[in-house]
């Protein structure tokens, strides 16, 4: 019998200083060794297994983050990830000449 694929419960929000994205993913009954979590600047994905249940999902992030500085912990079936937002560089403003 094939594993049942379900989307895990995910909660993601900014911390109180709006400097980091905080992500919580519920993975009841899953062992840490059975979790694959991947992150890019604008998205993350989860793939975790527990017996005949597989938790899978791909999620978009509204503001870019720095995946190289992400920190993840897993306790009591809850995967917690904190990752800082990428601060945009100051953009150079150029005045454009208007011709007739």
PDB file of N, CA and C in Angstrom:
ATOM      1  N   UNK A   1       0.836  -1.184   0.000  1.00  0.00           N
ATOM      2  CA  UNK A   1       0.000   0.000   0.000  1.00  0.00           C
ATOM      3  C   UNK A   1       0.884   1.252   0.000  1.00  0.00           C
ATOM      4  N   UNK A   2       0.572   2.209  -0.840  1.00  0.00           N
ATOM      5  CA  UNK A   2       1.343   3.448  -0.932  1.00  0.00           C
ATOM      6  C   UNK A   2       1.090   4.313   0.298  1.00  0.00           C
ATOM      7  N   UNK A   3       2.087   5.106   0.651  1.00  0.00           N
ATOM      8  CA  UNK A   3       1.963   6.008   1.797  1.00  0.00           C
ATOM      9  C   UNK A   3       0.914   7.073   1.512  1.00  0.00           C
ATOM     10  N   UNK A   4       0.175   7.433   2.535  1.00  0.00           N
ATOM     11  CA  UNK A   4      -0.808   8.508   2.451  1.00  0.00           C
ATOM     12  C   UNK A   4      -0.056   9.830   2.481  1.00  0.00           C
ATOM     13  N   UNK A   5      -0.228  10.673   1.465  1.00  0.00           N
ATOM     14  CA  UNK A   5       0.449  11.970   1.391  1.00  0.00           C
ATOM     15  C   UNK A   5      -0.480  13.048   1.921  1.00  0.00           C
ATOM     16  N   UNK A   6      -0.014  13.784   2.921  1.00  0.00           N
ATOM     17  CA  UNK A   6      -0.806  14.864   3.494  1.00  0.00           C
ATOM     18  C   UNK A   6       0.070  16.104   3.659  1.00  0.00           C
ATOM     19  N   UNK A   7      -0.569  17.254   3.638  1.00  0.00           N
ATOM     20  CA  UNK A   7       0.143  18.504   3.896  1.00  0.00           C
ATOM     21  C   UNK A   7       0.170  18.726   5.404  1.00  0.00           C
ATOM     22  N   UNK A   8       1.337  19.019   5.967  1.00  0.00           N
ATOM     23  CA  UNK A   8       1.402  19.266   7.408  1.00  0.00           C
ATOM     24  C   UNK A   8       0.805  20.628   7.750  1.00  0.00           C
ATOM     25  N   UNK A   9       0.459  20.810   9.018  1.00  0.00           N
ATOM     26  CA  UNK A   9       0.006  22.119   9.484  1.00  0.00           C
ATOM     27  C   UNK A   9       1.226  23.020   9.573  1.00  0.00           C
ATOM     28  N   UNK A  10       1.178  24.182   8.896  1.00  0.00           N
ATOM     29  CA  UNK A  10       2.290  25.126   8.863  1.00  0.00           C
ATOM     30  C   UNK A  10       1.794  26.490   9.327  1.00  0.00           C
ATOM     31  N   UNK A  11       2.574  27.119  10.203  1.00  0.00           N
ATOM     32  CA  UNK A  11       2.288  28.477  10.654  1.00  0.00           C
ATOM     33  C   UNK A  11       3.566  29.286  10.466  1.00  0.00           C
ATOM     34  N   UNK A  12       3.490  30.396   9.735  1.00  0.00           N
ATOM     35  CA  UNK A  12       4.668  31.230   9.483  1.00  0.00           C
ATOM     36  C   UNK A  12       4.305  32.693   9.709  1.00  0.00           C
ATOM     37  N   UNK A  13       5.170  33.397  10.440  1.00  0.00           N
ATOM     38  CA  UNK A  13       4.917  34.801  10.741  1.00  0.00           C
ATOM     39  C   UNK A  13       6.229  35.507  11.078  1.00  0.00           C
ATOM     40  N   UNK A  14       6.213  36.843  11.031  1.00  0.00           N
ATOM     41  CA  UNK A  14       7.386  37.642  11.390  1.00  0.00           C
ATOM     42  C   UNK A  14       7.520  37.707  12.901  1.00  0.00           C
ATOM     43  N   UNK A  15       8.782  37.782  13.368  1.00  0.00           N
ATOM     44  CA  UNK A  15       8.983  37.971  14.799  1.00  0.00           C
ATOM     45  C   UNK A  15       8.562  39.394  15.185  1.00  0.00           C
ATOM     46  N   UNK A  16       8.603  39.694  16.489  1.00  0.00           N
ATOM     47  CA  UNK A  16       8.100  40.986  16.959  1.00  0.00           C
ATOM     48  C   UNK A  16       8.883  42.177  16.400  1.00  0.00           C
ATOM     49  N   UNK A  17      10.138  41.991  16.000  1.00  0.00           N
ATOM     50  CA  UNK A  17      10.930  43.084  15.424  1.00  0.00           C
ATOM     51  C   UNK A  17      10.898  43.095  13.899  1.00  0.00           C
ATOM     52  N   UNK A  18      10.162  42.164  13.322  1.00  0.00           N
ATOM     53  CA  UNK A  18      10.048  42.015  11.873  1.00  0.00           C
ATOM     54  C   UNK A  18      11.414  41.866  11.201  1.00  0.00           C
ATOM     55  N   UNK A  19      12.339  41.153  11.891  1.00  0.00           N
ATOM     56  CA  UNK A  19      13.669  40.897  11.351  1.00  0.00           C
ATOM     57  C   UNK A  19      13.820  39.463  10.867  1.00  0.00           C
ATOM     58  N   UNK A  20      13.004  38.553  11.390  1.00  0.00           N
ATOM     59  CA  UNK A  20      13.109  37.128  11.070  1.00  0.00           C
ATOM     60  C   UNK A  20      11.741  36.553  10.736  1.00  0.00           C
ATOM     61  N   UNK A  21      11.756  35.560   9.874  1.00  0.00           N
ATOM     62  CA  UNK A  21      10.560  34.768   9.614  1.00  0.00           C
ATOM     63  C   UNK A  21      10.613  33.573  10.555  1.00  0.00           C
ATOM     64  N   UNK A  22       9.525  33.335  11.268  1.00  0.00           N
ATOM     65  CA  UNK A  22       9.422  32.205  12.191  1.00  0.00           C
ATOM     66  C   UNK A  22       8.443  31.211  11.564  1.00  0.00           C
ATOM     67  N   UNK A  23       8.882  29.962  11.402  1.00  0.00           N
ATOM     68  CA  UNK A  23       8.065  28.919  10.781  1.00  0.00           C
ATOM     69  C   UNK A  23       7.890  27.775  11.774  1.00  0.00           C
ATOM     70  N   UNK A  24       6.671  27.304  11.940  1.00  0.00           N
ATOM     71  CA  UNK A  24       6.385  26.123  12.754  1.00  0.00           C
ATOM     72  C   UNK A  24       5.654  25.107  11.887  1.00  0.00           C
ATOM     73  N   UNK A  25       6.129  23.860  11.905  1.00  0.00           N
ATOM     74  CA  UNK A  25       5.520  22.790  11.114  1.00  0.00           C
ATOM     75  C   UNK A  25       5.258  21.612  12.038  1.00  0.00           C
ATOM     76  N   UNK A  26       3.995  21.199  12.129  1.00  0.00           N
ATOM     77  CA  UNK A  26       3.631  20.064  12.974  1.00  0.00           C
ATOM     78  C   UNK A  26       3.850  18.763  12.217  1.00  0.00           C
ATOM     79  N   UNK A  27       4.654  17.880  12.839  1.00  0.00           N
ATOM     80  CA  UNK A  27       4.964  16.578  12.248  1.00  0.00           C
ATOM     81  C   UNK A  27       4.815  15.503  13.325  1.00  0.00           C
ATOM     82  N   UNK A  28       3.581  15.208  13.734  1.00  0.00           N
ATOM     83  CA  UNK A  28       3.368  14.261  14.827  1.00  0.00           C
ATOM     84  C   UNK A  28       3.854  12.854  14.499  1.00  0.00           C
ATOM     85  N   UNK A  29       4.588  12.272  15.451  1.00  0.00           N
ATOM     86  CA  UNK A  29       5.060  10.904  15.297  1.00  0.00           C
ATOM     87  C   UNK A  29       6.250  10.717  14.386  1.00  0.00           C
ATOM     88  N   UNK A  30       6.811  11.802  13.843  1.00  0.00           N
ATOM     89  CA  UNK A  30       7.933  11.717  12.916  1.00  0.00           C
ATOM     90  C   UNK A  30       9.249  11.772  13.697  1.00  0.00           C
ATOM     91  N   UNK A  31      10.242  11.000  13.271  1.00  0.00           N
ATOM     92  CA  UNK A  31      11.585  11.073  13.835  1.00  0.00           C
ATOM     93  C   UNK A  31      12.401  12.108  13.060  1.00  0.00           C
ATOM     94  N   UNK A  32      13.310  12.773  13.754  1.00  0.00           N
ATOM     95  CA  UNK A  32      14.140  13.810  13.126  1.00  0.00           C
ATOM     96  C   UNK A  32      14.864  13.285  11.891  1.00  0.00           C
ATOM     97  N   UNK A  33      15.329  12.050  11.922  1.00  0.00           N
ATOM     98  CA  UNK A  33      16.082  11.478  10.794  1.00  0.00           C
ATOM     99  C   UNK A  33      15.218  11.311   9.544  1.00  0.00           C
ATOM    100  N   UNK A  34      13.896  11.369   9.697  1.00  0.00           N
ATOM    101  CA  UNK A  34      12.986  11.179   8.565  1.00  0.00           C
ATOM    102  C   UNK A  34      12.448  12.494   8.002  1.00  0.00           C
ATOM    103  N   UNK A  35      13.111  13.608   8.330  1.00  0.00           N
ATOM    104  CA  UNK A  35      12.672  14.932   7.875  1.00  0.00           C
ATOM    105  C   UNK A  35      13.684  15.500   6.895  1.00  0.00           C
ATOM    106  N   UNK A  36      13.180  15.998   5.767  1.00  0.00           N
ATOM    107  CA  UNK A  36      13.990  16.763   4.819  1.00  0.00           C
ATOM    108  C   UNK A  36      13.341  18.128   4.684  1.00  0.00           C
ATOM    109  N   UNK A  37      14.071  19.167   5.078  1.00  0.00           N
ATOM    110  CA  UNK A  37      13.585  20.542   4.989  1.00  0.00           C
ATOM    111  C   UNK A  37      14.551  21.304   4.100  1.00  0.00           C
ATOM    112  N   UNK A  38      14.027  21.933   3.046  1.00  0.00           N
ATOM    113  CA  UNK A  38      14.853  22.701   2.113  1.00  0.00           C
ATOM    114  C   UNK A  38      14.308  24.116   2.023  1.00  0.00           C
ATOM    115  N   UNK A  39      15.226  25.066   1.853  1.00  0.00           N
ATOM    116  CA  UNK A  39      14.807  26.465   1.820  1.00  0.00           C
ATOM    117  C   UNK A  39      15.581  27.228   0.765  1.00  0.00           C
ATOM    118  N   UNK A  40      14.869  28.118   0.085  1.00  0.00           N
ATOM    119  CA  UNK A  40      15.454  29.071  -0.851  1.00  0.00           C
ATOM    120  C   UNK A  40      15.053  30.457  -0.377  1.00  0.00           C
ATOM    121  N   UNK A  41      15.513  31.493  -1.064  1.00  0.00           N
ATOM    122  CA  UNK A  41      15.185  32.862  -0.651  1.00  0.00           C
ATOM    123  C   UNK A  41      13.686  33.136  -0.632  1.00  0.00           C
ATOM    124  N   UNK A  42      12.937  32.497  -1.524  1.00  0.00           N
ATOM    125  CA  UNK A  42      11.516  32.826  -1.642  1.00  0.00           C
ATOM    126  C   UNK A  42      10.575  31.640  -1.415  1.00  0.00           C
ATOM    127  N   UNK A  43      11.111  30.511  -0.927  1.00  0.00           N
ATOM    128  CA  UNK A  43      10.244  29.355  -0.699  1.00  0.00           C
ATOM    129  C   UNK A  43      10.924  28.334   0.213  1.00  0.00           C
ATOM    130  N   UNK A  44      10.117  27.397   0.710  1.00  0.00           N
ATOM    131  CA  UNK A  44      10.673  26.265   1.449  1.00  0.00           C
ATOM    132  C   UNK A  44       9.813  25.042   1.179  1.00  0.00           C
ATOM    133  N   UNK A  45      10.407  23.861   1.417  1.00  0.00           N
ATOM    134  CA  UNK A  45       9.672  22.617   1.216  1.00  0.00           C
ATOM    135  C   UNK A  45       9.959  21.671   2.371  1.00  0.00           C
ATOM    136  N   UNK A  46       8.999  20.798   2.632  1.00  0.00           N
ATOM    137  CA  UNK A  46       9.107  19.801   3.688  1.00  0.00           C
ATOM    138  C   UNK A  46       8.737  18.441   3.121  1.00  0.00           C
ATOM    139  N   UNK A  47       9.470  17.429   3.536  1.00  0.00           N
ATOM    140  CA  UNK A  47       9.151  16.048   3.189  1.00  0.00           C
ATOM    141  C   UNK A  47       9.533  15.219   4.409  1.00  0.00           C
ATOM    142  N   UNK A  48       8.544  14.635   5.059  1.00  0.00           N
ATOM    143  CA  UNK A  48       8.782  13.870   6.278  1.00  0.00           C
ATOM    144  C   UNK A  48       7.896  12.631   6.269  1.00  0.00           C
ATOM    145  N   UNK A  49       8.401  11.552   6.869  1.00  0.00           N
ATOM    146  CA  UNK A  49       7.666  10.289   6.839  1.00  0.00           C
ATOM    147  C   UNK A  49       7.460   9.734   8.240  1.00  0.00           C
ATOM    148  N   UNK A  50       6.296   9.115   8.419  1.00  0.00           N
ATOM    149  CA  UNK A  50       5.964   8.401   9.646  1.00  0.00           C
ATOM    150  C   UNK A  50       5.160   7.177   9.246  1.00  0.00           C
ATOM    151  N   UNK A  51       5.795   6.033   9.234  1.00  0.00           N
ATOM    152  CA  UNK A  51       5.086   4.818   8.852  1.00  0.00           C
ATOM    153  C   UNK A  51       4.484   4.937   7.470  1.00  0.00           C
ATOM    154  N   UNK A  52       3.167   4.822   7.388  1.00  0.00           N
ATOM    155  CA  UNK A  52       2.503   4.897   6.088  1.00  0.00           C
ATOM    156  C   UNK A  52       1.949   6.290   5.779  1.00  0.00           C
ATOM    157  N   UNK A  53       2.413   7.312   6.520  1.00  0.00           N
ATOM    158  CA  UNK A  53       2.003   8.698   6.272  1.00  0.00           C
ATOM    159  C   UNK A  53       3.220   9.501   5.862  1.00  0.00           C
ATOM    160  N   UNK A  54       3.055  10.296   4.806  1.00  0.00           N
ATOM    161  CA  UNK A  54       4.125  11.165   4.330  1.00  0.00           C
ATOM    162  C   UNK A  54       3.624  12.595   4.310  1.00  0.00           C
ATOM    163  N   UNK A  55       4.302  13.467   5.053  1.00  0.00           N
ATOM    164  CA  UNK A  55       3.967  14.893   5.097  1.00  0.00           C
ATOM    165  C   UNK A  55       4.799  15.610   4.046  1.00  0.00           C
ATOM    166  N   UNK A  56       4.146  16.244   3.076  1.00  0.00           N
ATOM    167  CA  UNK A  56       4.847  16.946   2.009  1.00  0.00           C
ATOM    168  C   UNK A  56       4.200  18.293   1.742  1.00  0.00           C
ATOM    169  N   UNK A  57       5.020  19.252   1.351  1.00  0.00           N
ATOM    170  CA  UNK A  57       4.478  20.551   0.996  1.00  0.00           C
ATOM    171  C   UNK A  57       5.547  21.485   0.487  1.00  0.00           C
ATOM    172  N   UNK A  58       5.155  22.396  -0.393  1.00  0.00           N
ATOM    173  CA  UNK A  58       6.004  23.468  -0.912  1.00  0.00           C
ATOM    174  C   UNK A  58       5.287  24.778  -0.626  1.00  0.00           C
ATOM    175  N   UNK A  59       6.026  25.749  -0.093  1.00  0.00           N
ATOM    176  CA  UNK A  59       5.400  26.986   0.360  1.00  0.00           C
ATOM    177  C   UNK A  59       6.195  28.194  -0.114  1.00  0.00           C
ATOM    178  N   UNK A  60       5.482  29.214  -0.585  1.00  0.00           N
ATOM    179  CA  UNK A  60       6.105  30.459  -1.021  1.00  0.00           C
ATOM    180  C   UNK A  60       6.260  31.387   0.176  1.00  0.00           C
ATOM    181  N   UNK A  61       7.328  32.189   0.133  1.00  0.00           N
ATOM    182  CA  UNK A  61       7.587  33.193   1.163  1.00  0.00           C
ATOM    183  C   UNK A  61       7.428  34.552   0.502  1.00  0.00           C
ATOM    184  N   UNK A  62       6.665  35.442   1.116  1.00  0.00           N
ATOM    185  CA  UNK A  62       6.371  36.743   0.523  1.00  0.00           C
ATOM    186  C   UNK A  62       7.556  37.694   0.457  1.00  0.00           C
ATOM    187  N   UNK A  63       8.478  37.615   1.407  1.00  0.00           N
ATOM    188  CA  UNK A  63       9.666  38.470   1.432  1.00  0.00           C
ATOM    189  C   UNK A  63      10.894  37.574   1.438  1.00  0.00           C
ATOM    190  N   UNK A  64      11.942  37.915   0.696  1.00  0.00           N
ATOM    191  CA  UNK A  64      13.114  37.034   0.630  1.00  0.00           C
ATOM    192  C   UNK A  64      13.813  36.888   1.982  1.00  0.00           C
ATOM    193  N   UNK A  65      14.307  35.672   2.221  1.00  0.00           N
ATOM    194  CA  UNK A  65      15.032  35.358   3.453  1.00  0.00           C
ATOM    195  C   UNK A  65      16.427  34.857   3.103  1.00  0.00           C
ATOM    196  N   UNK A  66      17.279  34.754   4.124  1.00  0.00           N
ATOM    197  CA  UNK A  66      18.657  34.282   3.935  1.00  0.00           C
ATOM    198  C   UNK A  66      18.757  32.841   4.424  1.00  0.00           C
ATOM    199  N   UNK A  67      18.585  31.838   3.545  1.00  0.00           N
ATOM    200  CA  UNK A  67      18.592  30.444   3.987  1.00  0.00           C
ATOM    201  C   UNK A  67      19.916  29.995   4.592  1.00  0.00           C
ATOM    202  N   UNK A  68      21.021  30.678   4.276  1.00  0.00           N
ATOM    203  CA  UNK A  68      22.322  30.317   4.853  1.00  0.00           C
ATOM    204  C   UNK A  68      22.373  30.598   6.355  1.00  0.00           C
ATOM    205  N   UNK A  69      21.483  31.440   6.837  1.00  0.00           N
ATOM    206  CA  UNK A  69      21.483  31.797   8.260  1.00  0.00           C
ATOM    207  C   UNK A  69      20.282  31.215   9.010  1.00  0.00           C
ATOM    208  N   UNK A  70      19.581  30.291   8.389  1.00  0.00           N
ATOM    209  CA  UNK A  70      18.415  29.663   9.025  1.00  0.00           C
ATOM    210  C   UNK A  70      18.854  28.757  10.171  1.00  0.00           C
ATOM    211  N   UNK A  71      18.036  28.699  11.214  1.00  0.00           N
ATOM    212  CA  UNK A  71      18.271  27.812  12.359  1.00  0.00           C
ATOM    213  C   UNK A  71      17.011  26.999  12.582  1.00  0.00           C
ATOM    214  N   UNK A  72      17.166  25.679  12.643  1.00  0.00           N
ATOM    215  CA  UNK A  72      16.013  24.786  12.798  1.00  0.00           C
ATOM    216  C   UNK A  72      16.193  23.891  14.018  1.00  0.00           C
ATOM    217  N   UNK A  73      15.086  23.647  14.715  1.00  0.00           N
ATOM    218  CA  UNK A  73      15.068  22.697  15.828  1.00  0.00           C
ATOM    219  C   UNK A  73      13.841  21.809  15.668  1.00  0.00           C
ATOM    220  N   UNK A  74      13.922  20.614  16.233  1.00  0.00           N
ATOM    221  CA  UNK A  74      12.798  19.681  16.176  1.00  0.00           C
ATOM    222  C   UNK A  74      12.620  19.063  17.557  1.00  0.00           C
ATOM    223  N   UNK A  75      11.450  19.317  18.173  1.00  0.00           N
ATOM    224  CA  UNK A  75      11.134  18.774  19.489  1.00  0.00           C
ATOM    225  C   UNK A  75       9.657  18.418  19.563  1.00  0.00           C
ATOM    226  N   UNK A  76       9.386  17.250  20.083  1.00  0.00           N
ATOM    227  CA  UNK A  76       8.005  16.825  20.343  1.00  0.00           C
ATOM    228  C   UNK A  76       7.086  16.991  19.132  1.00  0.00           C
ATOM    229  N   UNK A  77       7.585  16.631  17.947  1.00  0.00           N
ATOM    230  CA  UNK A  77       6.758  16.671  16.745  1.00  0.00           C
ATOM    231  C   UNK A  77       6.599  18.042  16.126  1.00  0.00           C
ATOM    232  N   UNK A  78       7.366  19.043  16.603  1.00  0.00           N
ATOM    233  CA  UNK A  78       7.253  20.397  16.067  1.00  0.00           C
ATOM    234  C   UNK A  78       8.602  20.848  15.508  1.00  0.00           C
ATOM    235  N   UNK A  79       8.640  21.091  14.198  1.00  0.00           N
ATOM    236  CA  UNK A  79       9.821  21.638  13.542  1.00  0.00           C
ATOM    237  C   UNK A  79       9.689  23.157  13.575  1.00  0.00           C
ATOM    238  N   UNK A  80      10.699  23.814  14.138  1.00  0.00           N
ATOM    239  CA  UNK A  80      10.707  25.271  14.243  1.00  0.00           C
ATOM    240  C   UNK A  80      11.906  25.809  13.487  1.00  0.00           C
ATOM    241  N   UNK A  81      11.663  26.774  12.614  1.00  0.00           N
ATOM    242  CA  UNK A  81      12.732  27.369  11.814  1.00  0.00           C
ATOM    243  C   UNK A  81      12.662  28.880  11.960  1.00  0.00           C
ATOM    244  N   UNK A  82      13.806  29.489  12.249  1.00  0.00           N
ATOM    245  CA  UNK A  82      13.919  30.945  12.272  1.00  0.00           C
ATOM    246  C   UNK A  82      14.957  31.339  11.251  1.00  0.00           C
ATOM    247  N   UNK A  83      14.594  32.282  10.390  1.00  0.00           N
ATOM    248  CA  UNK A  83      15.488  32.705   9.303  1.00  0.00           C
ATOM    249  C   UNK A  83      15.343  34.212   9.118  1.00  0.00           C
ATOM    250  N   UNK A  84      16.480  34.934   9.037  1.00  0.00           N
ATOM    251  CA  UNK A  84      16.392  36.384   8.874  1.00  0.00           C
ATOM    252  C   UNK A  84      15.961  36.783   7.466  1.00  0.00           C
ATOM    253  N   UNK A  85      15.222  37.879   7.425  1.00  0.00           N
ATOM    254  CA  UNK A  85      14.864  38.459   6.130  1.00  0.00           C
ATOM    255  C   UNK A  85      16.112  39.066   5.495  1.00  0.00           C
ATOM    256  N   UNK A  86      16.132  39.125   4.184  1.00  0.00           N
ATOM    257  CA  UNK A  86      17.197  39.819   3.465  1.00  0.00           C
ATOM    258  C   UNK A  86      16.783  41.277   3.379  1.00  0.00           C
ATOM    259  N   UNK A  87      17.625  42.125   3.892  1.00  0.00           N
ATOM    260  CA  UNK A  87      17.344  43.564   3.827  1.00  0.00           C
ATOM    261  C   UNK A  87      17.734  44.068   2.446  1.00  0.00           C
ATOM    262  N   UNK A  88      16.827  44.770   1.789  1.00  0.00           N
ATOM    263  CA  UNK A  88      17.171  45.277   0.461  1.00  0.00           C
ATOM    264  C   UNK A  88      18.274  46.333   0.556  1.00  0.00           C
ATOM    265  N   UNK A  89      19.171  46.293  -0.395  1.00  0.00           N
ATOM    266  CA  UNK A  89      20.232  47.304  -0.465  1.00  0.00           C
ATOM    267  C   UNK A  89      19.608  48.631  -0.863  1.00  0.00           C
ATOM    268  N   UNK A  90      20.217  49.684  -0.416  1.00  0.00           N
ATOM    269  CA  UNK A  90      19.717  51.003  -0.805  1.00  0.00           C
ATOM    270  C   UNK A  90      19.826  51.134  -2.316  1.00  0.00           C
ATOM    271  N   UNK A  91      18.711  51.435  -2.914  1.00  0.00           N
ATOM    272  CA  UNK A  91      18.701  51.558  -4.372  1.00  0.00           C
ATOM    273  C   UNK A  91      19.156  52.948  -4.791  1.00  0.00           C
ATOM    274  N   UNK A  92      19.950  52.962  -5.833  1.00  0.00           N
ATOM    275  CA  UNK A  92      20.375  54.254  -6.385  1.00  0.00           C
ATOM    276  C   UNK A  92      19.213  54.795  -7.212  1.00  0.00           C
ATOM    277  N   UNK A  93      18.884  56.037  -6.941  1.00  0.00           N
ATOM    278  CA  UNK A  93      17.794  56.680  -7.672  1.00  0.00           C
ATOM    279  C   UNK A  93      18.418  57.539  -8.768  1.00  0.00           C
ATOM    280  N   UNK A  94      17.967  57.326  -9.986  1.00  0.00           N
ATOM    281  CA  UNK A  94      18.491  58.074 -11.127  1.00  0.00           C
ATOM    282  C   UNK A  94      17.376  58.898 -11.738  1.00  0.00           C
ATOM    283  N   UNK A  95      17.693  60.143 -12.002  1.00  0.00           N
ATOM    284  CA  UNK A  95      16.723  60.984 -12.682  1.00  0.00           C
ATOM    285  C   UNK A  95      16.845  60.722 -14.175  1.00  0.00           C
ATOM    286  N   UNK A  96      15.730  60.544 -14.817  1.00  0.00           N
ATOM    287  CA  UNK A  96      15.692  60.251 -16.247  1.00  0.00           C
ATOM    288  C   UNK A  96      15.302  61.521 -17.007  1.00  0.00           C
ATOM    289  N   UNK A  97      16.148  61.851 -17.961  1.00  0.00           N
ATOM    290  CA  UNK A  97      15.854  63.022 -18.780  1.00  0.00           C
ATOM    291  C   UNK A  97      14.669  62.740 -19.687  1.00  0.00           C
ATOM    292  N   UNK A  98      13.810  63.713 -19.820  1.00  0.00           N
ATOM    293  CA  UNK A  98      12.616  63.585 -20.660  1.00  0.00           C
ATOM    294  C   UNK A  98      12.817  64.436 -21.910  1.00  0.00           C
ATOM    295  N   UNK A  99      12.692  63.811 -23.061  1.00  0.00           N
ATOM    296  CA  UNK A  99      12.845  64.531 -24.325  1.00  0.00           C
ATOM    297  C   UNK A  99      11.478  64.770 -24.938  1.00  0.00           C
ATOM    298  N   UNK A 100      11.463  65.735 -25.860  1.00  0.00           N
ATOM    299  CA  UNK A 100      10.192  66.059 -26.541  1.00  0.00           C
ATOM    300  C   UNK A 100       9.947  65.154 -27.700  1.00  0.00           C
TER     301      UNK A 100
END
